Amino acid sequence: MSRSRTLSKAVIFAAVAALLPIAATSAANAQAATEIQLSYKDKKFDPAEISAPANTPIVIKLKNLDAKPMEFESKTLKIEKVVAGSSDATVNVRAQKPGRYEFVDEYNEKVARGALVVK
């Protein structure tokens, strides 16, 4: 076997070995996400308060049961997502520190309010 061919195999092996921890971390993060079911009807979130563990990604499965669209918005979580009437959406939330994170339907902000409590 030539020296350059042996060197190429060594470089490929080193590159694959360097990427394995990244792939393992990504898979672990994806598996560790907390999934929360949330629905929206008559300008109200149900439940109005949801909770999740700290430092864990969160996936909110949101069902808009109203015929009109709504906009899930949280300034503290830096999320805005329009959900068409009578449809479902997924809202991905990065891992958060403990705290209370308010969210609203921006179209009905005065009455349609909720909170994510991270413990």
PDB file of N, CA and C in Angstrom:
ATOM      1  N   MET A   1       0.849  -1.167   0.000  1.00  0.00           N
ATOM      2  CA  MET A   1       0.000   0.000   0.000  1.00  0.00           C
ATOM      3  C   MET A   1       0.888   1.221   0.000  1.00  0.00           C
ATOM      4  N   SER A   2       0.523   2.198  -0.798  1.00  0.00           N
ATOM      5  CA  SER A   2       1.367   3.384  -0.897  1.00  0.00           C
ATOM      6  C   SER A   2       1.213   4.255   0.348  1.00  0.00           C
ATOM      7  N   ARG A   3       2.201   5.074   0.541  1.00  0.00           N
ATOM      8  CA  ARG A   3       2.207   5.952   1.721  1.00  0.00           C
ATOM      9  C   ARG A   3       1.051   6.971   1.650  1.00  0.00           C
ATOM     10  N   SER A   4       0.779   7.519   0.450  1.00  0.00           N
ATOM     11  CA  SER A   4      -0.296   8.511   0.328  1.00  0.00           C
ATOM     12  C   SER A   4      -1.667   7.877   0.570  1.00  0.00           C
ATOM     13  N   ARG A   5      -1.829   6.624   0.159  1.00  0.00           N
ATOM     14  CA  ARG A   5      -3.105   5.932   0.386  1.00  0.00           C
ATOM     15  C   ARG A   5      -3.309   5.662   1.885  1.00  0.00           C
ATOM     16  N   THR A   6      -2.244   5.273   2.565  1.00  0.00           N
ATOM     17  CA  THR A   6      -2.312   5.056   4.006  1.00  0.00           C
ATOM     18  C   THR A   6      -2.616   6.364   4.727  1.00  0.00           C
ATOM     19  N   LEU A   7      -2.008   7.449   4.266  1.00  0.00           N
ATOM     20  CA  LEU A   7      -2.246   8.756   4.862  1.00  0.00           C
ATOM     21  C   LEU A   7      -3.700   9.186   4.653  1.00  0.00           C
ATOM     22  N   SER A   8      -4.272   8.944   3.460  1.00  0.00           N
ATOM     23  CA  SER A   8      -5.662   9.291   3.173  1.00  0.00           C
ATOM     24  C   SER A   8      -6.613   8.544   4.102  1.00  0.00           C
ATOM     25  N   LYS A   9      -6.369   7.256   4.314  1.00  0.00           N
ATOM     26  CA  LYS A   9      -7.218   6.487   5.220  1.00  0.00           C
ATOM     27  C   LYS A   9      -7.139   7.042   6.634  1.00  0.00           C
ATOM     28  N   ALA A  10      -5.960   7.435   7.044  1.00  0.00           N
ATOM     29  CA  ALA A  10      -5.786   7.999   8.389  1.00  0.00           C
ATOM     30  C   ALA A  10      -6.541   9.310   8.525  1.00  0.00           C
ATOM     31  N   VAL A  11      -6.531  10.144   7.485  1.00  0.00           N
ATOM     32  CA  VAL A  11      -7.247  11.426   7.525  1.00  0.00           C
ATOM     33  C   VAL A  11      -8.753  11.185   7.590  1.00  0.00           C
ATOM     34  N   ILE A  12      -9.245  10.247   6.787  1.00  0.00           N
ATOM     35  CA  ILE A  12     -10.680   9.933   6.795  1.00  0.00           C
ATOM     36  C   ILE A  12     -11.091   9.391   8.163  1.00  0.00           C
ATOM     37  N   PHE A  13     -10.300   8.491   8.726  1.00  0.00           N
ATOM     38  CA  PHE A  13     -10.608   7.935  10.039  1.00  0.00           C
ATOM     39  C   PHE A  13     -10.649   9.036  11.089  1.00  0.00           C
ATOM     40  N   ALA A  14      -9.700   9.965  11.056  1.00  0.00           N
ATOM     41  CA  ALA A  14      -9.661  11.058  12.029  1.00  0.00           C
ATOM     42  C   ALA A  14     -10.882  11.957  11.874  1.00  0.00           C
ATOM     43  N   ALA A  15     -11.307  12.226  10.641  1.00  0.00           N
ATOM     44  CA  ALA A  15     -12.480  13.080  10.418  1.00  0.00           C
ATOM     45  C   ALA A  15     -13.742  12.423  10.943  1.00  0.00           C
ATOM     46  N   VAL A  16     -13.917  11.138  10.673  1.00  0.00           N
ATOM     47  CA  VAL A  16     -15.097  10.421  11.161  1.00  0.00           C
ATOM     48  C   VAL A  16     -15.091  10.379  12.684  1.00  0.00           C
ATOM     49  N   ALA A  17     -13.936  10.114  13.276  1.00  0.00           N
ATOM     50  CA  ALA A  17     -13.839  10.063  14.741  1.00  0.00           C
ATOM     51  C   ALA A  17     -14.166  11.420  15.357  1.00  0.00           C
ATOM     52  N   ALA A  18     -13.797  12.497  14.677  1.00  0.00           N
ATOM     53  CA  ALA A  18     -14.096  13.834  15.196  1.00  0.00           C
ATOM     54  C   ALA A  18     -15.586  14.150  15.124  1.00  0.00           C
ATOM     55  N   LEU A  19     -16.306  13.624  14.144  1.00  0.00           N
ATOM     56  CA  LEU A  19     -17.730  13.915  13.963  1.00  0.00           C
ATOM     57  C   LEU A  19     -18.633  13.050  14.837  1.00  0.00           C
ATOM     58  N   LEU A  20     -18.191  11.912  15.286  1.00  0.00           N
ATOM     59  CA  LEU A  20     -19.032  11.014  16.076  1.00  0.00           C
ATOM     60  C   LEU A  20     -19.592  11.659  17.344  1.00  0.00           C
ATOM     61  N   PRO A  21     -18.779  12.376  18.138  1.00  0.00           N
ATOM     62  CA  PRO A  21     -19.362  13.005  19.339  1.00  0.00           C
ATOM     63  C   PRO A  21     -20.441  14.025  18.995  1.00  0.00           C
ATOM     64  N   ILE A  22     -20.293  14.754  17.898  1.00  0.00           N
ATOM     65  CA  ILE A  22     -21.308  15.739  17.491  1.00  0.00           C
ATOM     66  C   ILE A  22     -22.603  15.025  17.142  1.00  0.00           C
ATOM     67  N   ALA A  23     -22.533  13.955  16.399  1.00  0.00           N
ATOM     68  CA  ALA A  23     -23.726  13.199  16.020  1.00  0.00           C
ATOM     69  C   ALA A  23     -24.395  12.605  17.247  1.00  0.00           C
ATOM     70  N   ALA A  24     -23.616  12.100  18.183  1.00  0.00           N
ATOM     71  CA  ALA A  24     -24.174  11.518  19.399  1.00  0.00           C
ATOM     72  C   ALA A  24     -24.865  12.578  20.241  1.00  0.00           C
ATOM     73  N   THR A  25     -24.280  13.773  20.352  1.00  0.00           N
ATOM     74  CA  THR A  25     -24.882  14.864  21.113  1.00  0.00           C
ATOM     75  C   THR A  25     -26.188  15.307  20.479  1.00  0.00           C
ATOM     76  N   SER A  26     -26.223  15.437  19.152  1.00  0.00           N
ATOM     77  CA  SER A  26     -27.446  15.839  18.467  1.00  0.00           C
ATOM     78  C   SER A  26     -28.553  14.829  18.675  1.00  0.00           C
ATOM     79  N   ALA A  27     -28.228  13.569  18.589  1.00  0.00           N
ATOM     80  CA  ALA A  27     -29.226  12.523  18.799  1.00  0.00           C
ATOM     81  C   ALA A  27     -29.737  12.553  20.235  1.00  0.00           C
ATOM     82  N   ALA A  28     -28.848  12.769  21.199  1.00  0.00           N
ATOM     83  CA  ALA A  28     -29.258  12.834  22.596  1.00  0.00           C
ATOM     84  C   ALA A  28     -30.177  14.023  22.835  1.00  0.00           C
ATOM     85  N   ASN A  29     -29.874  15.194  22.247  1.00  0.00           N
ATOM     86  CA  ASN A  29     -30.714  16.372  22.402  1.00  0.00           C
ATOM     87  C   ASN A  29     -32.083  16.141  21.792  1.00  0.00           C
ATOM     88  N   ALA A  30     -32.139  15.507  20.628  1.00  0.00           N
ATOM     89  CA  ALA A  30     -33.415  15.263  19.975  1.00  0.00           C
ATOM     90  C   ALA A  30     -34.269  14.326  20.801  1.00  0.00           C
ATOM     91  N   GLN A  31     -33.669  13.331  21.428  1.00  0.00           N
ATOM     92  CA  GLN A  31     -34.412  12.378  22.230  1.00  0.00           C
ATOM     93  C   GLN A  31     -34.847  12.970  23.562  1.00  0.00           C
ATOM     94  N   ALA A  32     -34.132  13.961  24.047  1.00  0.00           N
ATOM     95  CA  ALA A  32     -34.416  14.498  25.363  1.00  0.00           C
ATOM     96  C   ALA A  32     -35.500  15.564  25.351  1.00  0.00           C
ATOM     97  N   ALA A  33     -36.011  15.957  24.194  1.00  0.00           N
ATOM     98  CA  ALA A  33     -37.015  17.020  24.126  1.00  0.00           C
ATOM     99  C   ALA A  33     -38.279  16.630  24.875  1.00  0.00           C
ATOM    100  N   THR A  34     -38.843  17.602  25.566  1.00  0.00           N
ATOM    101  CA  THR A  34     -40.115  17.419  26.263  1.00  0.00           C
ATOM    102  C   THR A  34     -41.231  17.842  25.324  1.00  0.00           C
ATOM    103  N   GLU A  35     -42.206  16.961  25.109  1.00  0.00           N
ATOM    104  CA  GLU A  35     -43.320  17.276  24.222  1.00  0.00           C
ATOM    105  C   GLU A  35     -44.538  17.670  25.058  1.00  0.00           C
ATOM    106  N   ILE A  36     -45.148  18.787  24.677  1.00  0.00           N
ATOM    107  CA  ILE A  36     -46.311  19.307  25.393  1.00  0.00           C
ATOM    108  C   ILE A  36     -47.456  19.507  24.405  1.00  0.00           C
ATOM    109  N   GLN A  37     -48.643  19.039  24.789  1.00  0.00           N
ATOM    110  CA  GLN A  37     -49.845  19.234  23.970  1.00  0.00           C
ATOM    111  C   GLN A  37     -50.537  20.506  24.443  1.00  0.00           C
ATOM    112  N   LEU A  38     -50.903  21.371  23.509  1.00  0.00           N
ATOM    113  CA  LEU A  38     -51.573  22.621  23.831  1.00  0.00           C
ATOM    114  C   LEU A  38     -52.647  22.857  22.781  1.00  0.00           C
ATOM    115  N   SER A  39     -53.822  23.275  23.224  1.00  0.00           N
ATOM    116  CA  SER A  39     -54.865  23.581  22.245  1.00  0.00           C
ATOM    117  C   SER A  39     -55.322  25.022  22.417  1.00  0.00           C
ATOM    118  N   TYR A  40     -55.974  25.526  21.389  1.00  0.00           N
ATOM    119  CA  TYR A  40     -56.455  26.906  21.372  1.00  0.00           C
ATOM    120  C   TYR A  40     -57.875  26.901  20.841  1.00  0.00           C
ATOM    121  N   LYS A  41     -58.813  27.455  21.644  1.00  0.00           N
ATOM    122  CA  LYS A  41     -60.222  27.508  21.222  1.00  0.00           C
ATOM    123  C   LYS A  41     -60.897  28.674  21.929  1.00  0.00           C
ATOM    124  N   ASP A  42     -61.743  29.369  21.221  1.00  0.00           N
ATOM    125  CA  ASP A  42     -62.493  30.504  21.768  1.00  0.00           C
ATOM    126  C   ASP A  42     -61.568  31.507  22.456  1.00  0.00           C
ATOM    127  N   LYS A  43     -60.449  31.787  21.837  1.00  0.00           N
ATOM    128  CA  LYS A  43     -59.466  32.768  22.322  1.00  0.00           C
ATOM    129  C   LYS A  43     -58.861  32.386  23.675  1.00  0.00           C
ATOM    130  N   LYS A  44     -58.739  31.073  23.914  1.00  0.00           N
ATOM    131  CA  LYS A  44     -58.130  30.592  25.159  1.00  0.00           C
ATOM    132  C   LYS A  44     -57.192  29.426  24.870  1.00  0.00           C
ATOM    133  N   PHE A  45     -56.090  29.408  25.607  1.00  0.00           N
ATOM    134  CA  PHE A  45     -55.171  28.270  25.540  1.00  0.00           C
ATOM    135  C   PHE A  45     -55.616  27.243  26.575  1.00  0.00           C
ATOM    136  N   ASP A  46     -55.501  25.978  26.236  1.00  0.00           N
ATOM    137  CA  ASP A  46     -55.865  24.911  27.155  1.00  0.00           C
ATOM    138  C   ASP A  46     -54.775  23.845  27.138  1.00  0.00           C
ATOM    139  N   PRO A  47     -54.049  23.683  28.228  1.00  0.00           N
ATOM    140  CA  PRO A  47     -54.134  24.424  29.473  1.00  0.00           C
ATOM    141  C   PRO A  47     -53.500  25.806  29.333  1.00  0.00           C
ATOM    142  N   ALA A  48     -53.886  26.719  30.216  1.00  0.00           N
ATOM    143  CA  ALA A  48     -53.353  28.083  30.157  1.00  0.00           C
ATOM    144  C   ALA A  48     -51.915  28.135  30.655  1.00  0.00           C
ATOM    145  N   GLU A  49     -51.553  27.169  31.475  1.00  0.00           N
ATOM    146  CA  GLU A  49     -50.173  27.121  31.971  1.00  0.00           C
ATOM    147  C   GLU A  49     -49.607  25.738  31.714  1.00  0.00           C
ATOM    148  N   ILE A  50     -48.452  25.698  31.102  1.00  0.00           N
ATOM    149  CA  ILE A  50     -47.774  24.435  30.825  1.00  0.00           C
ATOM    150  C   ILE A  50     -46.412  24.468  31.506  1.00  0.00           C
ATOM    151  N   SER A  51     -45.839  23.298  31.767  1.00  0.00           N
ATOM    152  CA  SER A  51     -44.538  23.282  32.434  1.00  0.00           C
ATOM    153  C   SER A  51     -43.602  22.292  31.762  1.00  0.00           C
ATOM    154  N   ALA A  52     -42.329  22.544  31.965  1.00  0.00           N
ATOM    155  CA  ALA A  52     -41.291  21.701  31.363  1.00  0.00           C
ATOM    156  C   ALA A  52     -40.044  21.764  32.237  1.00  0.00           C
ATOM    157  N   PRO A  53     -39.208  20.747  32.146  1.00  0.00           N
ATOM    158  CA  PRO A  53     -37.961  20.778  32.918  1.00  0.00           C
ATOM    159  C   PRO A  53     -36.956  21.766  32.324  1.00  0.00           C
ATOM    160  N   ALA A  54     -36.110  22.302  33.162  1.00  0.00           N
ATOM    161  CA  ALA A  54     -35.077  23.241  32.720  1.00  0.00           C
ATOM    162  C   ALA A  54     -34.024  22.532  31.876  1.00  0.00           C
ATOM    163  N   ASN A  55     -33.389  23.300  31.030  1.00  0.00           N
ATOM    164  CA  ASN A  55     -32.255  22.844  30.223  1.00  0.00           C
ATOM    165  C   ASN A  55     -32.583  21.664  29.315  1.00  0.00           C
ATOM    166  N   THR A  56     -33.822  21.601  28.875  1.00  0.00           N
ATOM    167  CA  THR A  56     -34.268  20.540  27.978  1.00  0.00           C
ATOM    168  C   THR A  56     -35.046  21.170  26.823  1.00  0.00           C
ATOM    169  N   PRO A  57     -34.743  20.807  25.586  1.00  0.00           N
ATOM    170  CA  PRO A  57     -35.545  21.339  24.472  1.00  0.00           C
ATOM    171  C   PRO A  57     -37.013  20.967  24.653  1.00  0.00           C
ATOM    172  N   ILE A  58     -37.888  21.831  24.157  1.00  0.00           N
ATOM    173  CA  ILE A  58     -39.328  21.643  24.326  1.00  0.00           C
ATOM    174  C   ILE A  58     -39.986  21.671  22.946  1.00  0.00           C
ATOM    175  N   VAL A  59     -40.913  20.761  22.743  1.00  0.00           N
ATOM    176  CA  VAL A  59     -41.706  20.736  21.513  1.00  0.00           C
ATOM    177  C   VAL A  59     -43.164  20.914  21.920  1.00  0.00           C
ATOM    178  N   ILE A  60     -43.761  22.007  21.484  1.00  0.00           N
ATOM    179  CA  ILE A  60     -45.168  22.261  21.790  1.00  0.00           C
ATOM    180  C   ILE A  60     -45.985  21.878  20.559  1.00  0.00           C
ATOM    181  N   LYS A  61     -46.874  20.909  20.747  1.00  0.00           N
ATOM    182  CA  LYS A  61     -47.801  20.491  19.685  1.00  0.00           C
ATOM    183  C   LYS A  61     -49.076  21.300  19.880  1.00  0.00           C
ATOM    184  N   LEU A  62     -49.293  22.270  19.024  1.00  0.00           N
ATOM    185  CA  LEU A  62     -50.385  23.223  19.173  1.00  0.00           C
ATOM    186  C   LEU A  62     -51.508  22.929  18.185  1.00  0.00           C
ATOM    187  N   LYS A  63     -52.734  22.775  18.718  1.00  0.00           N
ATOM    188  CA  LYS A  63     -53.919  22.548  17.879  1.00  0.00           C
ATOM    189  C   LYS A  63     -54.776  23.795  17.940  1.00  0.00           C
ATOM    190  N   ASN A  64     -54.962  24.436  16.800  1.00  0.00           N
ATOM    191  CA  ASN A  64     -55.874  25.572  16.737  1.00  0.00           C
ATOM    192  C   ASN A  64     -57.246  25.015  16.369  1.00  0.00           C
ATOM    193  N   LEU A  65     -58.146  24.977  17.344  1.00  0.00           N
ATOM    194  CA  LEU A  65     -59.469  24.405  17.133  1.00  0.00           C
ATOM    195  C   LEU A  65     -60.471  25.438  16.621  1.00  0.00           C
ATOM    196  N   ASP A  66     -60.050  26.709  16.571  1.00  0.00           N
ATOM    197  CA  ASP A  66     -60.906  27.758  16.017  1.00  0.00           C
ATOM    198  C   ASP A  66     -60.813  27.746  14.493  1.00  0.00           C
ATOM    199  N   ALA A  67     -61.822  28.317  13.863  1.00  0.00           N
ATOM    200  CA  ALA A  67     -61.817  28.397  12.398  1.00  0.00           C
ATOM    201  C   ALA A  67     -60.866  29.481  11.889  1.00  0.00           C
ATOM    202  N   LYS A  68     -60.595  30.473  12.740  1.00  0.00           N
ATOM    203  CA  LYS A  68     -59.715  31.583  12.335  1.00  0.00           C
ATOM    204  C   LYS A  68     -58.258  31.284  12.704  1.00  0.00           C
ATOM    205  N   PRO A  69     -57.331  31.891  11.980  1.00  0.00           N
ATOM    206  CA  PRO A  69     -55.918  31.710  12.337  1.00  0.00           C
ATOM    207  C   PRO A  69     -55.593  32.416  13.650  1.00  0.00           C
ATOM    208  N   MET A  70     -54.542  31.969  14.283  1.00  0.00           N
ATOM    209  CA  MET A  70     -54.026  32.619  15.488  1.00  0.00           C
ATOM    210  C   MET A  70     -52.510  32.720  15.349  1.00  0.00           C
ATOM    211  N   GLU A  71     -51.919  33.616  16.152  1.00  0.00           N
ATOM    212  CA  GLU A  71     -50.457  33.736  16.122  1.00  0.00           C
ATOM    213  C   GLU A  71     -49.913  33.501  17.516  1.00  0.00           C
ATOM    214  N   PHE A  72     -49.238  32.368  17.686  1.00  0.00           N
ATOM    215  CA  PHE A  72     -48.567  32.059  18.944  1.00  0.00           C
ATOM    216  C   PHE A  72     -47.335  32.939  19.018  1.00  0.00           C
ATOM    217  N   GLU A  73     -47.269  33.757  20.075  1.00  0.00           N
ATOM    218  CA  GLU A  73     -46.122  34.659  20.199  1.00  0.00           C
ATOM    219  C   GLU A  73     -45.636  34.712  21.633  1.00  0.00           C
ATOM    220  N   SER A  74     -44.329  34.683  21.786  1.00  0.00           N
ATOM    221  CA  SER A  74     -43.701  34.878  23.089  1.00  0.00           C
ATOM    222  C   SER A  74     -42.455  35.723  22.877  1.00  0.00           C
ATOM    223  N   LYS A  75     -42.489  36.911  23.431  1.00  0.00           N
ATOM    224  CA  LYS A  75     -41.313  37.787  23.302  1.00  0.00           C
ATOM    225  C   LYS A  75     -40.138  37.250  24.099  1.00  0.00           C
ATOM    226  N   THR A  76     -40.406  36.664  25.267  1.00  0.00           N
ATOM    227  CA  THR A  76     -39.302  36.158  26.091  1.00  0.00           C
ATOM    228  C   THR A  76     -38.664  34.907  25.487  1.00  0.00           C
ATOM    229  N   LEU A  77     -39.475  34.108  24.788  1.00  0.00           N
ATOM    230  CA  LEU A  77     -38.928  32.917  24.127  1.00  0.00           C
ATOM    231  C   LEU A  77     -38.456  33.222  22.703  1.00  0.00           C
ATOM    232  N   LYS A  78     -38.800  34.440  22.230  1.00  0.00           N
ATOM    233  CA  LYS A  78     -38.431  34.870  20.875  1.00  0.00           C
ATOM    234  C   LYS A  78     -39.042  33.935  19.819  1.00  0.00           C
ATOM    235  N   ILE A  79     -40.363  33.740  19.955  1.00  0.00           N
ATOM    236  CA  ILE A  79     -41.081  32.852  19.037  1.00  0.00           C
ATOM    237  C   ILE A  79     -42.309  33.569  18.490  1.00  0.00           C
ATOM    238  N   GLU A  80     -42.523  33.428  17.207  1.00  0.00           N
ATOM    239  CA  GLU A  80     -43.749  33.873  16.552  1.00  0.00           C
ATOM    240  C   GLU A  80     -44.107  32.800  15.537  1.00  0.00           C
ATOM    241  N   LYS A  81     -45.358  32.339  15.610  1.00  0.00           N
ATOM    242  CA  LYS A  81     -45.775  31.316  14.649  1.00  0.00           C
ATOM    243  C   LYS A  81     -47.264  31.457  14.382  1.00  0.00           C
ATOM    244  N   VAL A  82     -47.606  31.660  13.120  1.00  0.00           N
ATOM    245  CA  VAL A  82     -49.004  31.741  12.721  1.00  0.00           C
ATOM    246  C   VAL A  82     -49.511  30.319  12.497  1.00  0.00           C
ATOM    247  N   VAL A  83     -50.686  30.044  13.072  1.00  0.00           N
ATOM    248  CA  VAL A  83     -51.303  28.731  12.919  1.00  0.00           C
ATOM    249  C   VAL A  83     -52.660  28.939  12.257  1.00  0.00           C
ATOM    250  N   ALA A  84     -52.848  28.354  11.108  1.00  0.00           N
ATOM    251  CA  ALA A  84     -54.105  28.489  10.370  1.00  0.00           C
ATOM    252  C   ALA A  84     -55.256  27.910  11.186  1.00  0.00           C
ATOM    253  N   GLY A  85     -56.452  28.370  10.879  1.00  0.00           N
ATOM    254  CA  GLY A  85     -57.630  27.852  11.565  1.00  0.00           C
ATOM    255  C   GLY A  85     -57.801  26.366  11.330  1.00  0.00           C
ATOM    256  N   SER A  86     -58.284  25.676  12.348  1.00  0.00           N
ATOM    257  CA  SER A  86     -58.544  24.231  12.278  1.00  0.00           C
ATOM    258  C   SER A  86     -57.332  23.442  11.792  1.00  0.00           C
ATOM    259  N   SER A  87     -56.179  23.762  12.365  1.00  0.00           N
ATOM    260  CA  SER A  87     -54.969  23.029  11.967  1.00  0.00           C
ATOM    261  C   SER A  87     -54.019  22.873  13.156  1.00  0.00           C
ATOM    262  N   ASP A  88     -52.979  22.104  12.934  1.00  0.00           N
ATOM    263  CA  ASP A  88     -51.973  21.829  13.961  1.00  0.00           C
ATOM    264  C   ASP A  88     -50.642  22.465  13.568  1.00  0.00           C
ATOM    265  N   ALA A  89     -49.835  22.735  14.573  1.00  0.00           N
ATOM    266  CA  ALA A  89     -48.489  23.257  14.328  1.00  0.00           C
ATOM    267  C   ALA A  89     -47.559  22.742  15.414  1.00  0.00           C
ATOM    268  N   THR A  90     -46.296  22.741  15.101  1.00  0.00           N
ATOM    269  CA  THR A  90     -45.267  22.375  16.070  1.00  0.00           C
ATOM    270  C   THR A  90     -44.418  23.603  16.357  1.00  0.00           C
ATOM    271  N   VAL A  91     -44.261  23.904  17.636  1.00  0.00           N
ATOM    272  CA  VAL A  91     -43.441  25.034  18.062  1.00  0.00           C
ATOM    273  C   VAL A  91     -42.241  24.470  18.806  1.00  0.00           C
ATOM    274  N   ASN A  92     -41.066  24.675  18.259  1.00  0.00           N
ATOM    275  CA  ASN A  92     -39.835  24.197  18.906  1.00  0.00           C
ATOM    276  C   ASN A  92     -39.257  25.300  19.777  1.00  0.00           C
ATOM    277  N   VAL A  93     -38.985  24.951  21.021  1.00  0.00           N
ATOM    278  CA  VAL A  93     -38.447  25.905  21.986  1.00  0.00           C
ATOM    279  C   VAL A  93     -37.088  25.395  22.449  1.00  0.00           C
ATOM    280  N   ARG A  94     -36.118  26.253  22.404  1.00  0.00           N
ATOM    281  CA  ARG A  94     -34.788  25.873  22.889  1.00  0.00           C
ATOM    282  C   ARG A  94     -34.831  25.595  24.386  1.00  0.00           C
ATOM    283  N   ALA A  95     -33.864  24.861  24.858  1.00  0.00           N
ATOM    284  CA  ALA A  95     -33.749  24.605  26.296  1.00  0.00           C
ATOM    285  C   ALA A  95     -33.688  25.948  27.026  1.00  0.00           C
ATOM    286  N   GLN A  96     -34.437  26.039  28.125  1.00  0.00           N
ATOM    287  CA  GLN A  96     -34.549  27.293  28.861  1.00  0.00           C
ATOM    288  C   GLN A  96     -34.071  27.131  30.299  1.00  0.00           C
ATOM    289  N   LYS A  97     -33.705  28.235  30.888  1.00  0.00           N
ATOM    290  CA  LYS A  97     -33.398  28.260  32.319  1.00  0.00           C
ATOM    291  C   LYS A  97     -34.713  28.303  33.083  1.00  0.00           C
ATOM    292  N   PRO A  98     -34.701  27.951  34.375  1.00  0.00           N
ATOM    293  CA  PRO A  98     -35.942  28.043  35.146  1.00  0.00           C
ATOM    294  C   PRO A  98     -36.516  29.460  35.090  1.00  0.00           C
ATOM    295  N   GLY A  99     -37.840  29.510  34.995  1.00  0.00           N
ATOM    296  CA  GLY A  99     -38.509  30.809  34.937  1.00  0.00           C
ATOM    297  C   GLY A  99     -39.899  30.681  34.352  1.00  0.00           C
ATOM    298  N   ARG A 100     -40.558  31.812  34.246  1.00  0.00           N
ATOM    299  CA  ARG A 100     -41.915  31.861  33.701  1.00  0.00           C
ATOM    300  C   ARG A 100     -41.853  32.634  32.391  1.00  0.00           C
ATOM    301  N   TYR A 101     -42.344  32.025  31.330  1.00  0.00           N
ATOM    302  CA  TYR A 101     -42.275  32.603  29.999  1.00  0.00           C
ATOM    303  C   TYR A 101     -43.710  32.764  29.471  1.00  0.00           C
ATOM    304  N   GLU A 102     -44.142  34.003  29.351  1.00  0.00           N
ATOM    305  CA  GLU A 102     -45.503  34.294  28.906  1.00  0.00           C
ATOM    306  C   GLU A 102     -45.627  34.108  27.395  1.00  0.00           C
ATOM    307  N   PHE A 103     -46.819  33.682  26.954  1.00  0.00           N
ATOM    308  CA  PHE A 103     -47.116  33.640  25.523  1.00  0.00           C
ATOM    309  C   PHE A 103     -48.549  34.098  25.310  1.00  0.00           C
ATOM    310  N   VAL A 104     -48.845  34.538  24.100  1.00  0.00           N
ATOM    311  CA  VAL A 104     -50.168  35.077  23.760  1.00  0.00           C
ATOM    312  C   VAL A 104     -50.537  34.652  22.348  1.00  0.00           C
ATOM    313  N   ASP A 105     -51.813  34.852  22.039  1.00  0.00           N
ATOM    314  CA  ASP A 105     -52.234  34.864  20.637  1.00  0.00           C
ATOM    315  C   ASP A 105     -52.185  36.334  20.271  1.00  0.00           C
ATOM    316  N   GLU A 106     -51.277  36.713  19.427  1.00  0.00           N
ATOM    317  CA  GLU A 106     -51.095  38.130  19.134  1.00  0.00           C
ATOM    318  C   GLU A 106     -52.354  38.785  18.571  1.00  0.00           C
ATOM    319  N   TYR A 107     -53.205  38.016  17.903  1.00  0.00           N
ATOM    320  CA  TYR A 107     -54.432  38.589  17.354  1.00  0.00           C
ATOM    321  C   TYR A 107     -55.455  38.902  18.438  1.00  0.00           C
ATOM    322  N   ASN A 108     -55.325  38.270  19.586  1.00  0.00           N
ATOM    323  CA  ASN A 108     -56.259  38.481  20.703  1.00  0.00           C
ATOM    324  C   ASN A 108     -55.468  38.603  22.003  1.00  0.00           C
ATOM    325  N   GLU A 109     -54.443  39.429  21.976  1.00  0.00           N
ATOM    326  CA  GLU A 109     -53.469  39.492  23.051  1.00  0.00           C
ATOM    327  C   GLU A 109     -54.061  39.805  24.434  1.00  0.00           C
ATOM    328  N   LYS A 110     -55.133  40.581  24.481  1.00  0.00           N
ATOM    329  CA  LYS A 110     -55.683  40.977  25.785  1.00  0.00           C
ATOM    330  C   LYS A 110     -56.358  39.813  26.522  1.00  0.00           C
ATOM    331  N   VAL A 111     -56.880  38.842  25.789  1.00  0.00           N
ATOM    332  CA  VAL A 111     -57.598  37.745  26.445  1.00  0.00           C
ATOM    333  C   VAL A 111     -56.926  36.380  26.282  1.00  0.00           C
ATOM    334  N   ALA A 112     -56.230  36.182  25.212  1.00  0.00           N
ATOM    335  CA  ALA A 112     -55.619  34.881  24.919  1.00  0.00           C
ATOM    336  C   ALA A 112     -54.189  34.859  25.421  1.00  0.00           C
ATOM    337  N   ARG A 113     -54.038  34.441  26.692  1.00  0.00           N
ATOM    338  CA  ARG A 113     -52.718  34.473  27.326  1.00  0.00           C
ATOM    339  C   ARG A 113     -52.419  33.119  27.969  1.00  0.00           C
ATOM    340  N   GLY A 114     -51.138  32.803  28.043  1.00  0.00           N
ATOM    341  CA  GLY A 114     -50.705  31.582  28.691  1.00  0.00           C
ATOM    342  C   GLY A 114     -49.280  31.725  29.171  1.00  0.00           C
ATOM    343  N   ALA A 115     -48.781  30.679  29.803  1.00  0.00           N
ATOM    344  CA  ALA A 115     -47.410  30.733  30.309  1.00  0.00           C
ATOM    345  C   ALA A 115     -46.768  29.347  30.277  1.00  0.00           C
ATOM    346  N   LEU A 116     -45.487  29.364  30.002  1.00  0.00           N
ATOM    347  CA  LEU A 116     -44.654  28.172  30.100  1.00  0.00           C
ATOM    348  C   LEU A 116     -43.809  28.344  31.355  1.00  0.00           C
ATOM    349  N   VAL A 117     -43.967  27.428  32.295  1.00  0.00           N
ATOM    350  CA  VAL A 117     -43.184  27.484  33.528  1.00  0.00           C
ATOM    351  C   VAL A 117     -42.089  26.431  33.423  1.00  0.00           C
ATOM    352  N   VAL A 118     -40.855  26.875  33.453  1.00  0.00           N
ATOM    353  CA  VAL A 118     -39.704  25.976  33.366  1.00  0.00           C
ATOM    354  C   VAL A 118     -39.130  25.820  34.773  1.00  0.00           C
ATOM    355  N   LYS A 119     -39.056  24.562  35.202  1.00  0.00           N
ATOM    356  CA  LYS A 119     -38.610  24.278  36.588  1.00  0.00           C
ATOM    357  C   LYS A 119     -37.278  23.566  36.597  1.00  0.00           C
TER     358      LYS A 119
END
